[in-house]
Amino acid sequence: MLIVGIAGGTGSGKTTVVKKIIERLPKGEVAVLPQDSYYKDSSHLPMEERQEINFDHPAAVEFKLLIEHLKQLKQERSIEQPIYSYLTCTRQKETIRVEPKHVVIVEGILCLTNKELRDIMTVKVYVDADADDRLSRVITRDTLERGRDVNKVLERYEKTVKPMHLQFIEPTKRYADLIVPQGGNNSVAIDILASLIEQHLHLKKQ
């Protein structure tokens, strides 16, 4: 099994990179595990406390479960991927059944911060983007998709997102086998990644 880890700052274009890679590959050949699905459940906390959760700190992610799920997929066993809601900051009762595939992509801002998770990965990728571009995307995403006020988004960026990026996310660049500047706009890097995965799939079918 080829396990590709794709990390990078919030709003760097990771999801776009993953989407464009999958578009270039045969349908149904790749499973994607978003790190966002593995945020710890906070249903036991009052809503006011949930809204203060630091999603950019490694402690917010249940890495143990993510690693266990990857190991199960490697053993050709299906998993029940959690569904996390940013609106309520809780895990949903429903799950998503993920079947084993020859290729699994793990995508998320913190997925290169955990050594045990890195050690399972075959290829590690860091999607890079300028801070102002990332902030612009974060504002658009958080206001439209997560129902947040612009001022709250900017306040959270200064208090949490920016310092956590510098402390935890940016340093994981050194673990990357491939750094992708300009995110989803870097067609050359996306072609290289897609070709690597295609080569793996071709070898598996021989």
C-alpha atoms as a PDB file:
ATOM      1  CA  MET A   1       0.000   0.000   0.000  1.00  0.00           C
ATOM      2  CA  LEU A   2       1.270   3.479  -0.943  1.00  0.00           C
ATOM      3  CA  ILE A   3       0.506   5.985   1.821  1.00  0.00           C
ATOM      4  CA  VAL A   4       0.917   9.635   0.817  1.00  0.00           C
ATOM      5  CA  GLY A   5       0.914  12.285   3.547  1.00  0.00           C
ATOM      6  CA  ILE A   6       0.017  15.810   2.440  1.00  0.00           C
ATOM      7  CA  ALA A   7       0.541  18.598   4.998  1.00  0.00           C
ATOM      8  CA  GLY A   8       0.853  22.392   4.913  1.00  0.00           C
ATOM      9  CA  GLY A   9      -0.585  25.470   6.590  1.00  0.00           C
ATOM     10  CA  THR A  10      -4.265  26.295   6.878  1.00  0.00           C
ATOM     11  CA  GLY A  11      -5.446  27.624   3.504  1.00  0.00           C
ATOM     12  CA  SER A  12      -2.295  26.494   1.657  1.00  0.00           C
ATOM     13  CA  GLY A  13      -4.256  24.550  -0.968  1.00  0.00           C
ATOM     14  CA  LYS A  14      -3.832  20.971   0.316  1.00  0.00           C
ATOM     15  CA  THR A  15      -7.403  19.940  -0.482  1.00  0.00           C
ATOM     16  CA  THR A  16      -7.079  21.352  -4.009  1.00  0.00           C
ATOM     17  CA  VAL A  17      -3.834  19.412  -4.527  1.00  0.00           C
ATOM     18  CA  VAL A  18      -5.528  16.187  -3.380  1.00  0.00           C
ATOM     19  CA  LYS A  19      -8.550  16.842  -5.620  1.00  0.00           C
ATOM     20  CA  LYS A  20      -6.365  17.488  -8.688  1.00  0.00           C
ATOM     21  CA  ILE A  21      -4.266  14.365  -8.042  1.00  0.00           C
ATOM     22  CA  ILE A  22      -7.395  12.211  -7.801  1.00  0.00           C
ATOM     23  CA  GLU A  23      -8.770  13.737 -11.027  1.00  0.00           C
ATOM     24  CA  ARG A  24      -5.675  12.427 -12.848  1.00  0.00           C
ATOM     25  CA  LEU A  25      -6.025   8.871 -11.486  1.00  0.00           C
ATOM     26  CA  PRO A  26      -8.345   5.952 -12.310  1.00  0.00           C
ATOM     27  CA  LYS A  27     -11.645   6.276 -10.459  1.00  0.00           C
ATOM     28  CA  GLY A  28     -11.965   4.385  -7.189  1.00  0.00           C
ATOM     29  CA  GLU A  29      -8.262   3.585  -6.812  1.00  0.00           C
ATOM     30  CA  VAL A  30      -7.463   6.037  -4.000  1.00  0.00           C
ATOM     31  CA  ALA A  31      -8.806   6.423  -0.448  1.00  0.00           C
ATOM     32  CA  VAL A  32      -8.491   9.796   1.305  1.00  0.00           C
ATOM     33  CA  LEU A  33      -8.319  10.166   5.088  1.00  0.00           C
ATOM     34  CA  PRO A  34      -8.669  13.841   6.081  1.00  0.00           C
ATOM     35  CA  GLN A  35      -6.960  14.681   9.354  1.00  0.00           C
ATOM     36  CA  ASP A  36      -9.950  16.964  10.095  1.00  0.00           C
ATOM     37  CA  SER A  37     -12.119  13.858  10.576  1.00  0.00           C
ATOM     38  CA  TYR A  38      -9.928  12.822  13.488  1.00  0.00           C
ATOM     39  CA  TYR A  39     -10.264  15.889  15.698  1.00  0.00           C
ATOM     40  CA  LYS A  40     -11.153  14.810  19.227  1.00  0.00           C
ATOM     41  CA  ASP A  41     -14.828  14.862  20.146  1.00  0.00           C
ATOM     42  CA  SER A  42     -15.751  17.847  22.343  1.00  0.00           C
ATOM     43  CA  SER A  43     -19.412  17.099  22.996  1.00  0.00           C
ATOM     44  CA  HIS A  44     -18.675  16.967  26.755  1.00  0.00           C
ATOM     45  CA  LEU A  45     -17.682  20.666  26.746  1.00  0.00           C
ATOM     46  CA  PRO A  46     -20.028  23.696  26.824  1.00  0.00           C
ATOM     47  CA  MET A  47     -20.407  25.417  23.447  1.00  0.00           C
ATOM     48  CA  GLU A  48     -18.444  28.469  24.634  1.00  0.00           C
ATOM     49  CA  GLU A  49     -15.423  26.268  25.414  1.00  0.00           C
ATOM     50  CA  ARG A  50     -15.755  24.363  22.146  1.00  0.00           C
ATOM     51  CA  GLN A  51     -15.476  27.603  20.202  1.00  0.00           C
ATOM     52  CA  GLU A  52     -12.096  28.234  21.848  1.00  0.00           C
ATOM     53  CA  ILE A  53     -10.588  24.885  20.769  1.00  0.00           C
ATOM     54  CA  ASN A  54      -7.148  25.252  19.229  1.00  0.00           C
ATOM     55  CA  PHE A  55      -7.508  23.187  16.035  1.00  0.00           C
ATOM     56  CA  ASP A  56      -3.938  24.066  15.037  1.00  0.00           C
ATOM     57  CA  HIS A  57      -2.319  22.255  17.961  1.00  0.00           C
ATOM     58  CA  PRO A  58      -1.353  18.554  17.600  1.00  0.00           C
ATOM     59  CA  ALA A  59      -3.115  17.790  20.903  1.00  0.00           C
ATOM     60  CA  ALA A  60      -6.482  18.446  19.201  1.00  0.00           C
ATOM     61  CA  VAL A  61      -6.060  15.423  16.901  1.00  0.00           C
ATOM     62  CA  GLU A  62      -6.696  11.802  17.887  1.00  0.00           C
ATOM     63  CA  PHE A  63      -3.589  10.521  16.115  1.00  0.00           C
ATOM     64  CA  LYS A  64      -3.872   7.142  17.831  1.00  0.00           C
ATOM     65  CA  LEU A  65      -7.153   6.399  16.023  1.00  0.00           C
ATOM     66  CA  LEU A  66      -5.867   7.723  12.679  1.00  0.00           C
ATOM     67  CA  ILE A  67      -2.755   5.525  12.920  1.00  0.00           C
ATOM     68  CA  GLU A  68      -4.862   2.504  13.935  1.00  0.00           C
ATOM     69  CA  HIS A  69      -7.148   3.058  10.929  1.00  0.00           C
ATOM     70  CA  LEU A  70      -4.169   3.224   8.564  1.00  0.00           C
ATOM     71  CA  LYS A  71      -2.819  -0.024  10.009  1.00  0.00           C
ATOM     72  CA  GLN A  72      -6.215  -1.684   9.520  1.00  0.00           C
ATOM     73  CA  LEU A  73      -6.334  -0.532   5.877  1.00  0.00           C
ATOM     74  CA  LYS A  74      -2.817  -1.930   5.366  1.00  0.00           C
ATOM     75  CA  GLN A  75      -4.131  -5.239   6.697  1.00  0.00           C
ATOM     76  CA  GLU A  76      -6.880  -5.015   4.039  1.00  0.00           C
ATOM     77  CA  ARG A  77      -9.600  -4.349   6.590  1.00  0.00           C
ATOM     78  CA  SER A  78     -12.229  -1.641   6.092  1.00  0.00           C
ATOM     79  CA  ILE A  79     -12.593   1.167   8.625  1.00  0.00           C
ATOM     80  CA  GLU A  80     -15.316   3.514   9.892  1.00  0.00           C
ATOM     81  CA  GLN A  81     -13.922   7.020   9.387  1.00  0.00           C
ATOM     82  CA  PRO A  82     -15.339   9.598  11.837  1.00  0.00           C
ATOM     83  CA  ILE A  83     -17.239  12.655  10.664  1.00  0.00           C
ATOM     84  CA  TYR A  84     -16.374  15.895  12.472  1.00  0.00           C
ATOM     85  CA  SER A  85     -18.545  19.005  12.474  1.00  0.00           C
ATOM     86  CA  TYR A  86     -16.842  22.388  12.789  1.00  0.00           C
ATOM     87  CA  LEU A  87     -20.243  23.971  13.431  1.00  0.00           C
ATOM     88  CA  THR A  88     -20.805  22.013  16.654  1.00  0.00           C
ATOM     89  CA  CYS A  89     -17.145  20.956  17.302  1.00  0.00           C
ATOM     90  CA  THR A  90     -18.318  17.384  17.831  1.00  0.00           C
ATOM     91  CA  ARG A  91     -18.081  14.041  16.101  1.00  0.00           C
ATOM     92  CA  GLN A  92     -21.243  12.925  14.408  1.00  0.00           C
ATOM     93  CA  LYS A  93     -22.940   9.612  15.178  1.00  0.00           C
ATOM     94  CA  GLU A  94     -22.580   8.631  11.524  1.00  0.00           C
ATOM     95  CA  THR A  95     -19.298   7.358  10.063  1.00  0.00           C
ATOM     96  CA  ILE A  96     -17.948   6.793   6.545  1.00  0.00           C
ATOM     97  CA  ARG A  97     -16.996   3.264   5.517  1.00  0.00           C
ATOM     98  CA  VAL A  98     -13.564   3.326   3.856  1.00  0.00           C
ATOM     99  CA  GLU A  99     -12.444   0.219   1.982  1.00  0.00           C
ATOM    100  CA  PRO A 100      -8.751  -0.723   1.570  1.00  0.00           C
ATOM    101  CA  LYS A 101      -7.129   0.673  -1.580  1.00  0.00           C
ATOM    102  CA  HIS A 102      -3.674   0.400  -3.127  1.00  0.00           C
ATOM    103  CA  VAL A 103      -3.208   4.127  -2.417  1.00  0.00           C
ATOM    104  CA  VAL A 104      -4.240   6.095   0.681  1.00  0.00           C
ATOM    105  CA  ILE A 105      -3.801   9.869   0.979  1.00  0.00           C
ATOM    106  CA  VAL A 106      -3.681  11.362   4.483  1.00  0.00           C
ATOM    107  CA  GLU A 107      -4.266  15.104   4.289  1.00  0.00           C
ATOM    108  CA  GLY A 108      -4.154  17.744   7.012  1.00  0.00           C
ATOM    109  CA  ILE A 109      -2.226  20.630   8.531  1.00  0.00           C
ATOM    110  CA  LEU A 110      -0.712  18.528  11.321  1.00  0.00           C
ATOM    111  CA  CYS A 111      -0.218  15.151   9.666  1.00  0.00           C
ATOM    112  CA  LEU A 112       3.592  15.490   9.554  1.00  0.00           C
ATOM    113  CA  THR A 113       3.887  16.515  13.211  1.00  0.00           C
ATOM    114  CA  ASN A 114       3.452  12.962  14.527  1.00  0.00           C
ATOM    115  CA  LYS A 115       6.493  10.698  14.138  1.00  0.00           C
ATOM    116  CA  GLU A 116       4.567   7.416  14.291  1.00  0.00           C
ATOM    117  CA  LEU A 117       2.241   8.654  11.552  1.00  0.00           C
ATOM    118  CA  ARG A 118       5.179   9.911   9.443  1.00  0.00           C
ATOM    119  CA  ASP A 119       6.864   6.522   9.735  1.00  0.00           C
ATOM    120  CA  ILE A 120       3.839   4.817   8.153  1.00  0.00           C
ATOM    121  CA  MET A 121       3.893   7.171   5.158  1.00  0.00           C
ATOM    122  CA  THR A 122       5.608   6.165   1.917  1.00  0.00           C
ATOM    123  CA  VAL A 123       5.759   9.723   0.544  1.00  0.00           C
ATOM    124  CA  LYS A 124       5.547  12.944   2.551  1.00  0.00           C
ATOM    125  CA  VAL A 125       4.434  16.173   0.864  1.00  0.00           C
ATOM    126  CA  TYR A 126       4.338  19.740   2.187  1.00  0.00           C
ATOM    127  CA  VAL A 127       2.097  22.236   0.360  1.00  0.00           C
ATOM    128  CA  ASP A 128       3.553  25.715   0.742  1.00  0.00           C
ATOM    129  CA  ALA A 129       1.896  29.110   0.225  1.00  0.00           C
ATOM    130  CA  ASP A 130       2.467  32.738   1.188  1.00  0.00           C
ATOM    131  CA  ALA A 131       0.936  33.761   4.534  1.00  0.00           C
ATOM    132  CA  ASP A 132      -1.287  36.461   2.987  1.00  0.00           C
ATOM    133  CA  ASP A 133      -2.688  33.996   0.416  1.00  0.00           C
ATOM    134  CA  ARG A 134      -3.431  31.501   3.179  1.00  0.00           C
ATOM    135  CA  LEU A 135      -5.152  34.144   5.318  1.00  0.00           C
ATOM    136  CA  SER A 136      -7.345  35.206   2.383  1.00  0.00           C
ATOM    137  CA  ARG A 137      -8.476  31.598   1.828  1.00  0.00           C
ATOM    138  CA  VAL A 138      -9.062  31.059   5.561  1.00  0.00           C
ATOM    139  CA  ILE A 139     -11.327  34.134   5.752  1.00  0.00           C
ATOM    140  CA  THR A 140     -13.351  32.973   2.755  1.00  0.00           C
ATOM    141  CA  ARG A 141     -13.639  29.378   4.002  1.00  0.00           C
ATOM    142  CA  ASP A 142     -14.430  30.121   7.655  1.00  0.00           C
ATOM    143  CA  THR A 143     -17.078  32.738   6.898  1.00  0.00           C
ATOM    144  CA  LEU A 144     -18.831  30.757   4.146  1.00  0.00           C
ATOM    145  CA  GLU A 145     -18.424  27.147   5.322  1.00  0.00           C
ATOM    146  CA  ARG A 146     -18.099  27.446   9.092  1.00  0.00           C
ATOM    147  CA  GLY A 147     -20.402  30.384   9.798  1.00  0.00           C
ATOM    148  CA  ARG A 148     -17.770  32.504  11.515  1.00  0.00           C
ATOM    149  CA  ASP A 149     -17.620  36.291  11.768  1.00  0.00           C
ATOM    150  CA  VAL A 150     -14.741  37.947   9.839  1.00  0.00           C
ATOM    151  CA  ASN A 151     -13.456  39.741  12.944  1.00  0.00           C
ATOM    152  CA  LYS A 152     -13.486  36.453  14.869  1.00  0.00           C
ATOM    153  CA  VAL A 153     -11.555  34.767  12.049  1.00  0.00           C
ATOM    154  CA  LEU A 154      -8.906  37.526  12.081  1.00  0.00           C
ATOM    155  CA  GLU A 155      -8.669  37.439  15.869  1.00  0.00           C
ATOM    156  CA  ARG A 156      -8.261  33.649  15.845  1.00  0.00           C
ATOM    157  CA  TYR A 157      -5.633  33.910  13.101  1.00  0.00           C
ATOM    158  CA  GLU A 158      -3.484  36.283  15.158  1.00  0.00           C
ATOM    159  CA  LYS A 159      -3.961  34.477  18.474  1.00  0.00           C
ATOM    160  CA  THR A 160      -3.868  30.861  17.330  1.00  0.00           C
ATOM    161  CA  VAL A 161      -3.410  30.054  13.634  1.00  0.00           C
ATOM    162  CA  LYS A 162      -0.282  32.140  12.984  1.00  0.00           C
ATOM    163  CA  PRO A 163       1.703  31.183  16.130  1.00  0.00           C
ATOM    164  CA  MET A 164       0.733  27.489  15.819  1.00  0.00           C
ATOM    165  CA  HIS A 165       1.786  27.511  12.166  1.00  0.00           C
ATOM    166  CA  LEU A 166       5.204  28.860  13.096  1.00  0.00           C
ATOM    167  CA  GLN A 167       5.595  26.506  16.073  1.00  0.00           C
ATOM    168  CA  PHE A 168       4.239  23.212  14.707  1.00  0.00           C
ATOM    169  CA  ILE A 169       3.392  23.238  10.998  1.00  0.00           C
ATOM    170  CA  GLU A 170       6.133  25.199   9.211  1.00  0.00           C
ATOM    171  CA  PRO A 171       8.912  23.119  10.885  1.00  0.00           C
ATOM    172  CA  THR A 172       7.469  19.887   9.380  1.00  0.00           C
ATOM    173  CA  LYS A 173       8.732  21.043   5.977  1.00  0.00           C
ATOM    174  CA  ARG A 174      12.011  19.347   6.818  1.00  0.00           C
ATOM    175  CA  TYR A 175      10.297  15.941   6.816  1.00  0.00           C
ATOM    176  CA  ALA A 176       8.829  16.398   3.333  1.00  0.00           C
ATOM    177  CA  ASP A 177      10.093  14.403   0.362  1.00  0.00           C
ATOM    178  CA  LEU A 178       8.432  16.966  -1.894  1.00  0.00           C
ATOM    179  CA  ILE A 179       7.541  20.626  -1.263  1.00  0.00           C
ATOM    180  CA  VAL A 180       4.777  22.041  -3.452  1.00  0.00           C
ATOM    181  CA  PRO A 181       4.873  25.864  -3.698  1.00  0.00           C
ATOM    182  CA  GLN A 182       1.690  27.651  -4.843  1.00  0.00           C
ATOM    183  CA  GLY A 183      -0.563  24.768  -3.815  1.00  0.00           C
ATOM    184  CA  GLY A 184      -3.193  23.727  -6.342  1.00  0.00           C
ATOM    185  CA  ASN A 185      -1.731  26.076  -8.970  1.00  0.00           C
ATOM    186  CA  ASN A 186       1.486  24.056  -9.218  1.00  0.00           C
ATOM    187  CA  SER A 187       0.560  21.723 -12.076  1.00  0.00           C
ATOM    188  CA  VAL A 188       4.131  20.390 -12.450  1.00  0.00           C
ATOM    189  CA  ALA A 189       4.297  19.127  -8.849  1.00  0.00           C
ATOM    190  CA  ILE A 190       0.770  17.693  -9.109  1.00  0.00           C
ATOM    191  CA  ASP A 191       1.744  15.855 -12.318  1.00  0.00           C
ATOM    192  CA  ILE A 192       4.837  14.427 -10.574  1.00  0.00           C
ATOM    193  CA  LEU A 193       2.748  13.162  -7.643  1.00  0.00           C
ATOM    194  CA  ALA A 194       0.049  11.743  -9.913  1.00  0.00           C
ATOM    195  CA  SER A 195       2.698   9.989 -12.042  1.00  0.00           C
ATOM    196  CA  LEU A 196       4.290   8.468  -8.927  1.00  0.00           C
ATOM    197  CA  ILE A 197       0.933   7.100  -7.795  1.00  0.00           C
ATOM    198  CA  GLU A 198       0.068   5.858 -11.296  1.00  0.00           C
ATOM    199  CA  GLN A 199       3.393   4.005 -11.427  1.00  0.00           C
ATOM    200  CA  HIS A 200       2.598   2.330  -8.101  1.00  0.00           C
ATOM    201  CA  LEU A 201      -0.882   1.322  -9.303  1.00  0.00           C
ATOM    202  CA  HIS A 202       0.563  -0.064 -12.539  1.00  0.00           C
ATOM    203  CA  LEU A 203       3.093  -2.189 -10.635  1.00  0.00           C
ATOM    204  CA  LYS A 204       0.374  -3.521  -8.339  1.00  0.00           C
ATOM    205  CA  LYS A 205      -1.664  -4.686 -11.322  1.00  0.00           C
ATOM    206  CA  GLN A 206       1.204  -6.596 -12.955  1.00  0.00           C
END
